[in-house]
N, C-alpha and C. Protein backbone atom coordinates (compact mmCIF):
# COMPACT_ATOMS: atom_id res chain seq x y z
N MET A 1 62.16 51.60 -30.65
CA MET A 1 61.93 52.66 -29.70
C MET A 1 62.73 52.38 -28.43
N ALA A 2 63.43 53.37 -27.93
CA ALA A 2 64.28 53.21 -26.75
C ALA A 2 63.43 53.09 -25.50
N ARG A 3 63.90 52.25 -24.59
CA ARG A 3 63.23 52.08 -23.31
C ARG A 3 63.52 53.26 -22.41
N THR A 4 62.52 53.74 -21.71
CA THR A 4 62.75 54.81 -20.74
C THR A 4 62.85 54.18 -19.36
N ALA A 5 63.82 54.60 -18.62
CA ALA A 5 64.04 54.05 -17.29
C ALA A 5 63.21 54.81 -16.27
N ASN A 6 62.64 54.08 -15.36
CA ASN A 6 61.95 54.67 -14.24
C ASN A 6 63.05 54.99 -13.21
N LEU A 7 63.42 56.26 -13.12
CA LEU A 7 64.55 56.65 -12.29
C LEU A 7 64.37 56.28 -10.82
N GLU A 8 63.15 56.35 -10.34
CA GLU A 8 62.88 55.98 -8.96
C GLU A 8 63.09 54.48 -8.75
N ALA A 9 62.66 53.67 -9.71
CA ALA A 9 62.85 52.22 -9.61
C ALA A 9 64.33 51.86 -9.69
N VAL A 10 65.07 52.56 -10.54
CA VAL A 10 66.51 52.32 -10.66
C VAL A 10 67.21 52.66 -9.34
N ALA A 11 66.86 53.80 -8.76
CA ALA A 11 67.46 54.22 -7.49
C ALA A 11 67.10 53.23 -6.38
N ALA A 12 65.86 52.75 -6.37
CA ALA A 12 65.43 51.79 -5.35
C ALA A 12 66.21 50.48 -5.48
N LYS A 13 66.41 50.01 -6.69
CA LYS A 13 67.16 48.76 -6.89
C LYS A 13 68.62 48.94 -6.50
N ARG A 14 69.21 50.09 -6.82
CA ARG A 14 70.59 50.36 -6.39
C ARG A 14 70.70 50.33 -4.87
N ARG A 15 69.73 50.95 -4.18
CA ARG A 15 69.73 50.95 -2.72
C ARG A 15 69.60 49.51 -2.18
N GLU A 16 68.77 48.72 -2.83
CA GLU A 16 68.59 47.32 -2.41
C GLU A 16 69.91 46.56 -2.56
N ILE A 17 70.60 46.77 -3.66
CA ILE A 17 71.89 46.12 -3.88
C ILE A 17 72.91 46.60 -2.85
N LEU A 18 72.91 47.89 -2.56
CA LEU A 18 73.84 48.43 -1.57
C LEU A 18 73.55 47.91 -0.16
N ARG A 19 72.28 47.76 0.18
CA ARG A 19 71.92 47.20 1.49
C ARG A 19 72.37 45.74 1.58
N ALA A 20 72.18 44.99 0.48
CA ALA A 20 72.63 43.60 0.45
C ALA A 20 74.15 43.54 0.57
N THR A 21 74.83 44.46 -0.09
CA THR A 21 76.28 44.53 0.00
C THR A 21 76.71 44.77 1.44
N GLN A 22 76.04 45.68 2.12
CA GLN A 22 76.37 45.97 3.51
C GLN A 22 76.20 44.73 4.37
N ARG A 23 75.08 44.03 4.20
CA ARG A 23 74.84 42.81 4.98
C ARG A 23 75.95 41.79 4.72
N LEU A 24 76.30 41.63 3.45
CA LEU A 24 77.32 40.64 3.09
C LEU A 24 78.71 41.03 3.58
N VAL A 25 79.04 42.31 3.47
CA VAL A 25 80.34 42.77 3.95
C VAL A 25 80.44 42.56 5.46
N LEU A 26 79.37 42.85 6.18
CA LEU A 26 79.38 42.66 7.63
C LEU A 26 79.45 41.18 8.00
N ARG A 27 78.79 40.34 7.21
CA ARG A 27 78.74 38.91 7.51
C ARG A 27 80.00 38.18 7.05
N LYS A 28 80.47 38.50 5.84
CA LYS A 28 81.56 37.73 5.24
C LYS A 28 82.88 38.49 5.11
N GLY A 29 82.78 39.81 5.04
CA GLY A 29 83.94 40.63 4.73
C GLY A 29 83.97 40.91 3.23
N TYR A 30 84.57 42.03 2.85
CA TYR A 30 84.58 42.43 1.44
C TYR A 30 85.36 41.44 0.58
N GLU A 31 86.51 41.00 1.05
CA GLU A 31 87.35 40.10 0.25
C GLU A 31 86.67 38.76 -0.01
N GLN A 32 85.89 38.28 0.95
CA GLN A 32 85.23 36.99 0.79
C GLN A 32 83.89 37.09 0.06
N MET A 33 83.34 38.29 -0.03
CA MET A 33 82.06 38.48 -0.70
C MET A 33 82.27 38.44 -2.21
N SER A 34 81.40 37.71 -2.87
CA SER A 34 81.49 37.65 -4.33
C SER A 34 80.27 38.33 -4.96
N ILE A 35 80.40 38.63 -6.23
CA ILE A 35 79.25 39.17 -6.97
C ILE A 35 78.11 38.16 -6.93
N GLN A 36 78.46 36.88 -7.02
CA GLN A 36 77.42 35.84 -6.97
C GLN A 36 76.65 35.88 -5.65
N ASP A 37 77.34 36.18 -4.55
CA ASP A 37 76.65 36.33 -3.27
C ASP A 37 75.59 37.43 -3.35
N ILE A 38 75.95 38.53 -3.98
CA ILE A 38 75.02 39.65 -4.13
C ILE A 38 73.85 39.25 -5.02
N LEU A 39 74.17 38.58 -6.13
CA LEU A 39 73.12 38.14 -7.05
C LEU A 39 72.12 37.23 -6.34
N ASP A 40 72.65 36.31 -5.53
CA ASP A 40 71.78 35.39 -4.78
C ASP A 40 70.95 36.14 -3.75
N GLU A 41 71.58 37.07 -3.06
CA GLU A 41 70.91 37.83 -2.00
C GLU A 41 69.77 38.69 -2.56
N VAL A 42 70.01 39.33 -3.69
CA VAL A 42 69.02 40.25 -4.27
C VAL A 42 68.14 39.55 -5.30
N GLN A 43 68.55 38.36 -5.70
CA GLN A 43 67.84 37.56 -6.70
C GLN A 43 67.73 38.30 -8.03
N ILE A 44 68.93 38.67 -8.54
CA ILE A 44 69.01 39.28 -9.86
C ILE A 44 70.08 38.56 -10.68
N SER A 45 70.09 38.82 -11.97
CA SER A 45 71.08 38.21 -12.85
C SER A 45 72.35 39.05 -12.89
N SER A 46 73.39 38.47 -13.42
CA SER A 46 74.65 39.19 -13.59
C SER A 46 74.45 40.40 -14.49
N GLY A 47 73.68 40.23 -15.55
CA GLY A 47 73.40 41.35 -16.45
C GLY A 47 72.68 42.48 -15.75
N ALA A 48 71.73 42.12 -14.88
CA ALA A 48 71.00 43.14 -14.14
C ALA A 48 71.94 43.87 -13.19
N PHE A 49 72.82 43.12 -12.51
CA PHE A 49 73.79 43.75 -11.62
C PHE A 49 74.62 44.77 -12.37
N HIS A 50 75.10 44.38 -13.55
CA HIS A 50 75.98 45.26 -14.33
C HIS A 50 75.23 46.44 -14.95
N HIS A 51 73.91 46.38 -14.92
CA HIS A 51 73.12 47.55 -15.31
C HIS A 51 73.27 48.65 -14.26
N TYR A 52 73.46 48.26 -13.00
CA TYR A 52 73.56 49.22 -11.90
C TYR A 52 74.99 49.56 -11.53
N PHE A 53 75.92 48.60 -11.69
CA PHE A 53 77.32 48.79 -11.32
C PHE A 53 78.21 48.15 -12.37
N ASP A 54 79.22 48.88 -12.82
CA ASP A 54 80.11 48.38 -13.87
C ASP A 54 80.99 47.24 -13.39
N SER A 55 81.32 47.23 -12.09
CA SER A 55 82.27 46.25 -11.58
C SER A 55 82.13 46.14 -10.07
N ARG A 56 82.86 45.21 -9.50
CA ARG A 56 82.90 45.06 -8.06
C ARG A 56 83.51 46.32 -7.42
N GLY A 57 84.51 46.87 -8.07
CA GLY A 57 85.13 48.11 -7.58
C GLY A 57 84.15 49.28 -7.60
N ALA A 58 83.34 49.36 -8.64
CA ALA A 58 82.33 50.42 -8.72
C ALA A 58 81.29 50.25 -7.62
N LEU A 59 80.96 49.00 -7.32
CA LEU A 59 80.04 48.71 -6.22
C LEU A 59 80.64 49.18 -4.89
N LEU A 60 81.91 48.89 -4.67
CA LEU A 60 82.57 49.31 -3.44
C LEU A 60 82.58 50.84 -3.32
N ALA A 61 82.89 51.52 -4.41
CA ALA A 61 82.89 52.99 -4.39
C ALA A 61 81.50 53.52 -4.05
N ALA A 62 80.46 52.92 -4.63
CA ALA A 62 79.09 53.35 -4.35
C ALA A 62 78.71 53.03 -2.90
N PHE A 63 79.20 51.91 -2.39
CA PHE A 63 78.93 51.51 -1.01
C PHE A 63 79.54 52.52 -0.04
N VAL A 64 80.77 52.92 -0.28
CA VAL A 64 81.44 53.91 0.57
C VAL A 64 80.69 55.25 0.49
N GLU A 65 80.30 55.64 -0.72
CA GLU A 65 79.55 56.89 -0.89
C GLU A 65 78.21 56.82 -0.16
N HIS A 66 77.56 55.68 -0.21
CA HIS A 66 76.27 55.48 0.48
C HIS A 66 76.45 55.65 1.99
N ILE A 67 77.50 55.05 2.55
CA ILE A 67 77.78 55.20 3.98
C ILE A 67 78.02 56.67 4.31
N LYS A 68 78.80 57.34 3.48
CA LYS A 68 79.10 58.77 3.70
C LYS A 68 77.82 59.60 3.71
N GLN A 69 76.97 59.38 2.73
CA GLN A 69 75.73 60.15 2.64
C GLN A 69 74.81 59.89 3.82
N GLU A 70 74.68 58.64 4.22
CA GLU A 70 73.82 58.30 5.35
C GLU A 70 74.35 58.90 6.66
N THR A 71 75.65 58.96 6.78
CA THR A 71 76.27 59.50 7.99
C THR A 71 76.16 61.02 8.05
N GLU A 72 76.30 61.66 6.90
CA GLU A 72 76.32 63.12 6.93
C GLU A 72 74.93 63.76 6.97
N LYS A 73 73.88 63.02 6.63
CA LYS A 73 72.52 63.60 6.61
C LYS A 73 72.17 64.31 7.93
N PRO A 74 72.24 63.60 9.07
CA PRO A 74 71.85 64.29 10.31
C PRO A 74 72.81 65.41 10.70
N LEU A 75 74.06 65.28 10.31
CA LEU A 75 75.04 66.32 10.63
C LEU A 75 74.77 67.58 9.82
N LEU A 76 74.43 67.40 8.55
CA LEU A 76 74.16 68.56 7.69
C LEU A 76 72.91 69.31 8.13
N LEU A 77 71.92 68.59 8.66
CA LEU A 77 70.72 69.26 9.17
C LEU A 77 71.09 70.26 10.25
N ILE A 78 72.01 69.88 11.10
CA ILE A 78 72.45 70.78 12.19
C ILE A 78 73.27 71.93 11.63
N LEU A 79 74.24 71.60 10.81
CA LEU A 79 75.15 72.62 10.29
C LEU A 79 74.45 73.66 9.42
N ARG A 80 73.36 73.26 8.78
CA ARG A 80 72.65 74.18 7.87
C ARG A 80 71.47 74.88 8.52
N ASP A 81 71.26 74.64 9.80
CA ASP A 81 70.13 75.25 10.50
C ASP A 81 70.45 76.71 10.80
N PRO A 82 69.75 77.65 10.15
CA PRO A 82 70.06 79.07 10.35
C PRO A 82 69.65 79.60 11.73
N LYS A 83 68.84 78.82 12.45
CA LYS A 83 68.38 79.27 13.77
C LYS A 83 69.42 78.98 14.86
N LEU A 84 70.37 78.12 14.57
CA LEU A 84 71.37 77.76 15.58
C LEU A 84 72.57 78.69 15.53
N THR A 85 73.11 78.97 16.71
CA THR A 85 74.34 79.76 16.78
C THR A 85 75.52 78.83 16.43
N ALA A 86 76.67 79.41 16.25
CA ALA A 86 77.86 78.61 15.92
C ALA A 86 78.16 77.60 17.02
N ILE A 87 78.05 78.02 18.26
CA ILE A 87 78.35 77.11 19.37
C ILE A 87 77.30 76.00 19.44
N GLU A 88 76.05 76.32 19.18
CA GLU A 88 74.99 75.30 19.16
C GLU A 88 75.23 74.30 18.03
N LYS A 89 75.68 74.79 16.89
CA LYS A 89 76.00 73.90 15.77
C LYS A 89 77.16 72.98 16.14
N LEU A 90 78.17 73.53 16.76
CA LEU A 90 79.32 72.74 17.16
C LEU A 90 78.92 71.67 18.18
N GLN A 91 78.15 72.06 19.18
CA GLN A 91 77.69 71.11 20.19
C GLN A 91 76.78 70.05 19.56
N GLY A 92 75.87 70.50 18.71
CA GLY A 92 74.95 69.57 18.04
C GLY A 92 75.69 68.60 17.13
N PHE A 93 76.72 69.11 16.45
CA PHE A 93 77.53 68.27 15.56
C PHE A 93 78.16 67.13 16.36
N PHE A 94 78.83 67.47 17.46
CA PHE A 94 79.52 66.44 18.24
C PHE A 94 78.55 65.52 18.98
N ASP A 95 77.43 66.07 19.45
CA ASP A 95 76.41 65.23 20.09
C ASP A 95 75.85 64.21 19.09
N THR A 96 75.56 64.67 17.89
CA THR A 96 75.02 63.79 16.85
C THR A 96 76.05 62.77 16.41
N LEU A 97 77.28 63.20 16.25
CA LEU A 97 78.36 62.30 15.87
C LEU A 97 78.52 61.20 16.93
N ASP A 98 78.48 61.58 18.18
CA ASP A 98 78.59 60.60 19.27
C ASP A 98 77.40 59.64 19.26
N HIS A 99 76.21 60.19 19.04
CA HIS A 99 75.01 59.35 18.98
C HIS A 99 75.11 58.36 17.82
N LEU A 100 75.53 58.83 16.65
CA LEU A 100 75.68 57.94 15.50
C LEU A 100 76.70 56.84 15.79
N ARG A 101 77.79 57.21 16.42
CA ARG A 101 78.85 56.25 16.74
C ARG A 101 78.31 55.17 17.67
N MET A 102 77.57 55.57 18.68
CA MET A 102 77.02 54.60 19.63
C MET A 102 75.91 53.76 19.00
N ALA A 103 75.06 54.38 18.21
CA ALA A 103 73.96 53.66 17.59
C ALA A 103 74.44 52.62 16.58
N HIS A 104 75.59 52.88 15.96
CA HIS A 104 76.11 51.99 14.92
C HIS A 104 77.44 51.36 15.32
N LYS A 105 77.66 51.26 16.62
CA LYS A 105 78.94 50.79 17.13
C LYS A 105 79.32 49.42 16.56
N THR A 106 78.39 48.48 16.58
CA THR A 106 78.67 47.13 16.10
C THR A 106 79.08 47.15 14.64
N GLU A 107 78.33 47.89 13.81
CA GLU A 107 78.65 47.95 12.39
C GLU A 107 80.00 48.62 12.14
N VAL A 108 80.29 49.68 12.90
CA VAL A 108 81.55 50.39 12.74
C VAL A 108 82.71 49.47 13.09
N VAL A 109 82.59 48.74 14.18
CA VAL A 109 83.65 47.82 14.59
C VAL A 109 83.82 46.72 13.55
N ARG A 110 82.71 46.16 13.08
CA ARG A 110 82.79 45.08 12.09
C ARG A 110 83.36 45.57 10.77
N LEU A 111 82.97 46.77 10.34
CA LEU A 111 83.54 47.33 9.11
C LEU A 111 85.01 47.64 9.28
N GLY A 112 85.39 48.04 10.48
CA GLY A 112 86.80 48.32 10.76
C GLY A 112 87.67 47.09 10.58
N HIS A 113 87.12 45.93 10.92
CA HIS A 113 87.87 44.68 10.74
C HIS A 113 87.97 44.29 9.29
N VAL A 114 87.02 44.71 8.49
CA VAL A 114 87.03 44.39 7.06
C VAL A 114 88.19 45.11 6.42
């Protein structure tokens, strides 16, 4: 009988691996970070890692996508708000973008060096 995956648990573990990846990239840099570093950080086996990501490159692609999604969430809330006028959306977009930049300044600078 085939095993059924708990999709919520799978998504939670992927997020945990991505958060560990972010910590490691910020601390060590992408080039110096190894899969073993991630395995140690999350306390999983190589087989478990490959259940979630096919390769280090696939992990990087998912990491970039994760950053994109987290960044665009507050912006999309503004852009999709039917109660706001176009000018309010534009102002809200840039205000939020500036707030995100300032709130995550250290991470942005550190990722820029990576």
